[in-house]
Amino acid sequence: MEIRQITEDYSVAPQITVDDIATIKQSGFRSLICNRPDDEQPDQPKVDAIRAAAEEAGLEFRFIPVVSGAITPENVSAMADALNELPTPVLAYCRSGTRCANLYGMIKASGR
């Protein structure tokens, strides 16, 4: 699992699995955000399985699905709200981590 730190409190990663949750927790993350819609690819892990494992490990979890290449103002607002509300540090993931990084850039560009 490749984790890219964006700020002290925010990092991004490509698709994670249930097996990655222990490492995420041990790395000090307190919250997890999924920006990848279910069924984007047939073999990707379902968000409900990852959510259950994250919550069992004591991590906060949010699901803010964002269609690749089609970030909406509502996506940016929901992500900004999550980052304001969730305990830090936060790890966000999608297929490659790019959507998560782009969302963060849009939040900062909007002044939120």
Protein backbone atom coordinates (compact mmCIF):
# COMPACT_ATOMS: atom_id res chain seq x y z
CA MET A 1 0.00 0.00 0.00
CA GLU A 2 1.41 3.36 -1.08
CA ILE A 3 0.46 6.30 1.14
CA ARG A 4 1.24 9.82 -0.08
CA GLN A 5 1.23 12.54 2.56
CA ILE A 6 -0.38 15.77 1.35
CA THR A 7 -0.27 17.63 4.68
CA GLU A 8 0.49 16.69 8.27
CA ASP A 9 -3.17 15.72 8.74
CA TYR A 10 -4.16 14.45 5.27
CA SER A 11 -2.79 11.62 3.13
CA VAL A 12 -4.06 9.75 0.08
CA ALA A 13 -3.72 6.20 -1.17
CA PRO A 14 -4.78 4.00 -4.04
CA GLN A 15 -7.47 1.38 -3.45
CA ILE A 16 -7.06 -0.34 -0.10
CA THR A 17 -8.29 -3.73 1.08
CA VAL A 18 -9.68 -4.99 4.37
CA ASP A 19 -6.22 -6.44 5.05
CA ASP A 20 -4.72 -2.93 4.92
CA ILE A 21 -6.84 -1.61 7.81
CA ALA A 22 -4.48 -2.84 10.54
CA THR A 23 -1.51 -1.12 8.88
CA ILE A 24 -3.53 2.08 8.44
CA LYS A 25 -4.44 2.05 12.13
CA GLN A 26 -0.86 1.26 13.18
CA SER A 27 0.35 4.15 11.00
CA GLY A 28 -1.58 6.50 13.26
CA PHE A 29 -4.56 7.38 11.09
CA ARG A 30 -7.76 8.09 12.96
CA SER A 31 -10.14 8.49 10.02
CA LEU A 32 -10.63 6.96 6.59
CA ILE A 33 -12.50 8.42 3.59
CA CYS A 34 -13.47 6.43 0.51
CA ASN A 35 -13.83 8.57 -2.63
CA ARG A 36 -14.30 5.62 -4.96
CA PRO A 37 -17.80 4.54 -6.02
CA ASP A 38 -18.57 0.85 -5.61
CA ASP A 39 -18.41 -1.22 -8.80
CA GLU A 40 -16.08 1.14 -10.63
CA GLN A 41 -14.17 -2.04 -11.47
CA PRO A 42 -15.55 -5.55 -10.99
CA ASP A 43 -12.76 -6.74 -8.69
CA GLN A 44 -12.52 -3.81 -6.29
CA PRO A 45 -13.37 -4.35 -2.61
CA LYS A 46 -16.85 -3.19 -1.58
CA VAL A 47 -16.99 -0.07 0.56
CA ASP A 48 -19.22 -1.77 3.16
CA ALA A 49 -16.54 -4.39 3.87
CA ILE A 50 -13.86 -1.74 4.27
CA ARG A 51 -16.16 0.43 6.40
CA ALA A 52 -16.91 -2.48 8.73
CA ALA A 53 -13.23 -3.34 9.14
CA ALA A 54 -12.31 0.32 9.70
CA GLU A 55 -14.99 0.85 12.32
CA GLU A 56 -14.06 -2.42 14.04
CA ALA A 57 -10.49 -1.10 14.24
CA GLY A 58 -11.73 2.14 15.83
CA LEU A 59 -11.37 4.36 12.76
CA GLU A 60 -13.96 6.94 11.75
CA PHE A 61 -15.20 6.34 8.18
CA ARG A 62 -16.89 8.42 5.48
CA PHE A 63 -18.04 7.40 2.02
CA ILE A 64 -17.97 10.29 -0.45
CA PRO A 65 -18.09 8.65 -3.88
CA VAL A 66 -16.64 10.76 -6.69
CA VAL A 67 -16.85 9.79 -10.35
CA SER A 68 -13.41 9.86 -11.94
CA GLY A 69 -12.95 13.02 -14.01
CA ALA A 70 -16.26 14.48 -12.84
CA ILE A 71 -15.73 16.11 -9.43
CA THR A 72 -18.78 18.20 -8.55
CA PRO A 73 -19.15 21.19 -6.20
CA GLU A 74 -21.22 18.88 -3.97
CA ASN A 75 -18.29 16.44 -3.78
CA VAL A 76 -15.94 19.27 -2.78
CA SER A 77 -18.38 20.51 -0.13
CA ALA A 78 -18.96 17.03 1.32
CA MET A 79 -15.21 16.38 1.45
CA ALA A 80 -14.53 19.76 3.11
CA ASP A 81 -17.21 19.02 5.72
CA ALA A 82 -15.71 15.58 6.39
CA LEU A 83 -12.22 17.02 6.81
CA ASN A 84 -13.58 19.61 9.25
CA GLU A 85 -15.47 17.00 11.28
CA LEU A 86 -13.26 13.89 11.33
CA PRO A 87 -10.42 13.28 13.78
CA THR A 88 -7.01 13.63 12.18
CA PRO A 89 -4.88 12.40 10.61
CA VAL A 90 -7.14 11.33 7.74
CA LEU A 91 -6.37 8.87 4.95
CA ALA A 92 -8.50 9.15 1.81
CA TYR A 93 -8.46 6.57 -0.97
CA CYS A 94 -9.78 6.02 -4.48
CA ARG A 95 -8.47 4.00 -7.45
CA SER A 96 -5.09 5.75 -7.59
CA GLY A 97 -5.28 8.48 -4.92
CA THR A 98 -5.51 11.23 -7.54
CA ARG A 99 -9.20 12.07 -6.98
CA CYS A 100 -8.51 12.43 -3.26
CA ALA A 101 -5.57 14.76 -3.91
CA ASN A 102 -7.56 16.76 -6.46
CA LEU A 103 -10.47 17.14 -4.04
CA TYR A 104 -8.11 18.51 -1.42
CA GLY A 105 -6.67 20.99 -3.92
CA MET A 106 -10.17 22.15 -4.85
CA ILE A 107 -11.09 22.59 -1.20
CA LYS A 108 -8.01 24.75 -0.62
CA ALA A 109 -8.62 26.73 -3.85
CA SER A 110 -12.17 27.47 -2.68
CA GLY A 111 -10.86 28.88 0.60
CA ARG A 112 -12.48 26.24 2.80
